[in-house]
């Protein structure tokens, strides 16, 4: 039986083992990359959320005692409370106002506004944005 063409069972098993050795690490790397991509997407959503609240405060000015819901939930968006957006962002927003930061004593009342955006599901994800705005 000379010149038999084909593969033996041993050769087939060896090929399967080699393919398995190559594929397992490759799939592990791909799974880790996917997990990091999802986490970065959530971080980006939190960051955009805080930036949006900050831009609204910069545009409208700050009125003492105003809550985050009064700034983020505008009537033209059909939003009543901040909880309406928690499904999308799943975040908690805190606004802190410091009147007359650094004792500048200008003729225009100003506030240093700090906005903290924190993930409700992962408390390690937290963003803090700071700006100075005028009083209304």
Protein backbone atom coordinates (compact mmCIF):
# COMPACT_ATOMS: atom_id res chain seq x y z
CA UNK A 1 0.00 0.00 0.00
CA UNK A 2 2.26 2.67 -1.27
CA UNK A 3 1.27 6.33 -1.80
CA UNK A 4 -1.84 6.28 0.35
CA UNK A 5 -3.43 9.71 0.26
CA UNK A 6 -5.49 11.06 3.17
CA UNK A 7 -4.97 11.73 6.82
CA UNK A 8 -4.88 9.40 9.73
CA UNK A 9 -6.85 9.75 12.92
CA UNK A 10 -3.67 10.74 14.75
CA UNK A 11 -3.01 13.58 12.31
CA UNK A 12 -6.60 14.79 12.65
CA UNK A 13 -6.39 14.81 16.46
CA UNK A 14 -3.06 16.66 16.33
CA UNK A 15 -4.58 19.32 14.06
CA UNK A 16 -7.57 19.78 16.41
CA UNK A 17 -5.26 20.16 19.42
CA UNK A 18 -3.13 22.77 17.61
CA UNK A 19 -6.21 24.75 16.56
CA UNK A 20 -7.51 24.59 20.16
CA UNK A 21 -4.20 25.83 21.55
CA UNK A 22 -4.32 28.82 19.19
CA UNK A 23 -8.03 29.66 19.62
CA UNK A 24 -8.35 29.58 23.43
CA UNK A 25 -5.96 32.51 24.11
CA UNK A 26 -7.36 34.42 21.15
CA UNK A 27 -10.93 34.11 22.48
CA UNK A 28 -9.77 35.10 25.98
CA UNK A 29 -8.21 38.30 24.63
CA UNK A 30 -11.33 39.11 22.62
CA UNK A 31 -13.60 38.62 25.65
CA UNK A 32 -11.44 40.93 27.77
CA UNK A 33 -11.46 43.57 25.04
CA UNK A 34 -15.23 43.42 24.78
CA UNK A 35 -15.64 43.80 28.56
CA UNK A 36 -13.35 46.85 28.61
CA UNK A 37 -15.20 48.39 25.68
CA UNK A 38 -18.54 48.09 27.48
CA UNK A 39 -17.08 49.62 30.67
CA UNK A 40 -15.57 52.52 28.73
CA UNK A 41 -18.93 53.13 27.06
CA UNK A 42 -20.60 53.45 30.46
CA UNK A 43 -17.87 55.83 31.64
CA UNK A 44 -18.39 57.94 28.53
CA UNK A 45 -22.14 58.11 29.18
CA UNK A 46 -21.52 59.34 32.74
CA UNK A 47 -19.06 61.94 31.49
CA UNK A 48 -21.45 63.21 28.80
CA UNK A 49 -24.27 63.32 31.31
CA UNK A 50 -22.26 65.53 33.69
CA UNK A 51 -21.11 67.74 30.82
CA UNK A 52 -24.69 68.23 29.67
CA UNK A 53 -25.81 69.34 33.13
CA UNK A 54 -22.77 71.63 33.38
CA UNK A 55 -23.47 73.24 29.99
CA UNK A 56 -27.07 73.95 30.97
CA UNK A 57 -25.89 75.63 34.19
CA UNK A 58 -23.32 77.68 32.25
CA UNK A 59 -25.98 78.76 29.78
CA UNK A 60 -28.70 79.60 32.32
CA UNK A 61 -26.59 80.76 35.25
CA UNK A 62 -27.06 79.42 38.75
CA UNK A 63 -29.80 80.18 41.21
CA UNK A 64 -29.07 79.27 44.81
CA UNK A 65 -30.94 76.21 46.06
CA UNK A 66 -31.63 74.83 42.60
CA UNK A 67 -31.43 71.04 42.28
CA UNK A 68 -29.96 68.97 39.48
CA UNK A 69 -33.43 67.98 38.29
CA UNK A 70 -34.34 71.60 37.66
CA UNK A 71 -31.33 72.00 35.38
CA UNK A 72 -31.28 68.73 33.54
CA UNK A 73 -34.98 68.08 33.01
CA UNK A 74 -36.11 70.83 30.69
CA UNK A 75 -39.79 71.04 29.77
CA UNK A 76 -39.09 70.80 26.04
CA UNK A 77 -37.51 67.38 26.66
CA UNK A 78 -40.66 66.05 28.32
CA UNK A 79 -38.70 65.13 31.44
CA UNK A 80 -40.17 65.66 34.89
CA UNK A 81 -37.46 64.28 37.20
CA UNK A 82 -33.91 63.07 36.87
CA UNK A 83 -35.08 59.52 37.55
CA UNK A 84 -36.64 59.50 34.08
CA UNK A 85 -33.13 59.27 32.62
CA UNK A 86 -31.70 56.81 35.15
CA UNK A 87 -32.46 53.91 32.82
CA UNK A 88 -30.11 55.37 30.23
CA UNK A 89 -27.43 56.76 32.51
CA UNK A 90 -28.09 55.04 35.84
CA UNK A 91 -26.40 57.96 37.57
CA UNK A 92 -26.73 60.23 40.57
CA UNK A 93 -25.97 63.94 40.07
CA UNK A 94 -25.03 66.25 42.93
CA UNK A 95 -24.63 70.01 42.50
CA UNK A 96 -22.60 71.92 45.08
CA UNK A 97 -22.38 75.72 44.92
CA UNK A 98 -19.72 77.78 46.66
CA UNK A 99 -20.65 81.48 46.63
CA UNK A 100 -17.76 83.85 46.06
CA UNK A 101 -14.98 81.27 45.57
CA UNK A 102 -11.55 82.37 46.75
CA UNK A 103 -13.13 85.54 48.22
CA UNK A 104 -12.90 87.43 44.94
CA UNK A 105 -15.64 89.93 45.97
CA UNK A 106 -16.63 90.97 42.48
CA UNK A 107 -19.61 93.18 41.76
CA UNK A 108 -21.26 90.27 39.94
CA UNK A 109 -22.24 87.45 42.29
CA UNK A 110 -20.53 84.25 41.15
CA UNK A 111 -20.63 80.63 42.25
CA UNK A 112 -18.14 77.85 41.92
CA UNK A 113 -20.28 74.94 40.77
CA UNK A 114 -19.17 71.36 41.34
CA UNK A 115 -21.11 68.60 39.64
CA UNK A 116 -20.52 65.03 40.75
CA UNK A 117 -21.85 62.26 38.54
CA UNK A 118 -21.69 58.82 40.10
CA UNK A 119 -22.78 55.48 38.70
CA UNK A 120 -25.56 53.85 40.72
CA UNK A 121 -24.34 50.37 39.81
CA UNK A 122 -20.59 50.87 40.27
CA UNK A 123 -19.62 53.46 42.87
CA UNK A 124 -16.02 53.49 41.63
CA UNK A 125 -17.21 55.29 38.49
CA UNK A 126 -17.38 58.94 39.50
CA UNK A 127 -16.79 62.15 37.60
CA UNK A 128 -16.45 65.62 39.06
CA UNK A 129 -16.73 68.76 36.95
CA UNK A 130 -16.07 72.27 38.28
CA UNK A 131 -16.85 75.67 36.77
CA UNK A 132 -17.61 79.23 37.81
CA UNK A 133 -20.94 80.81 36.82
CA UNK A 134 -22.83 84.00 37.54
CA UNK A 135 -25.81 84.27 39.84
CA UNK A 136 -29.20 84.79 38.21
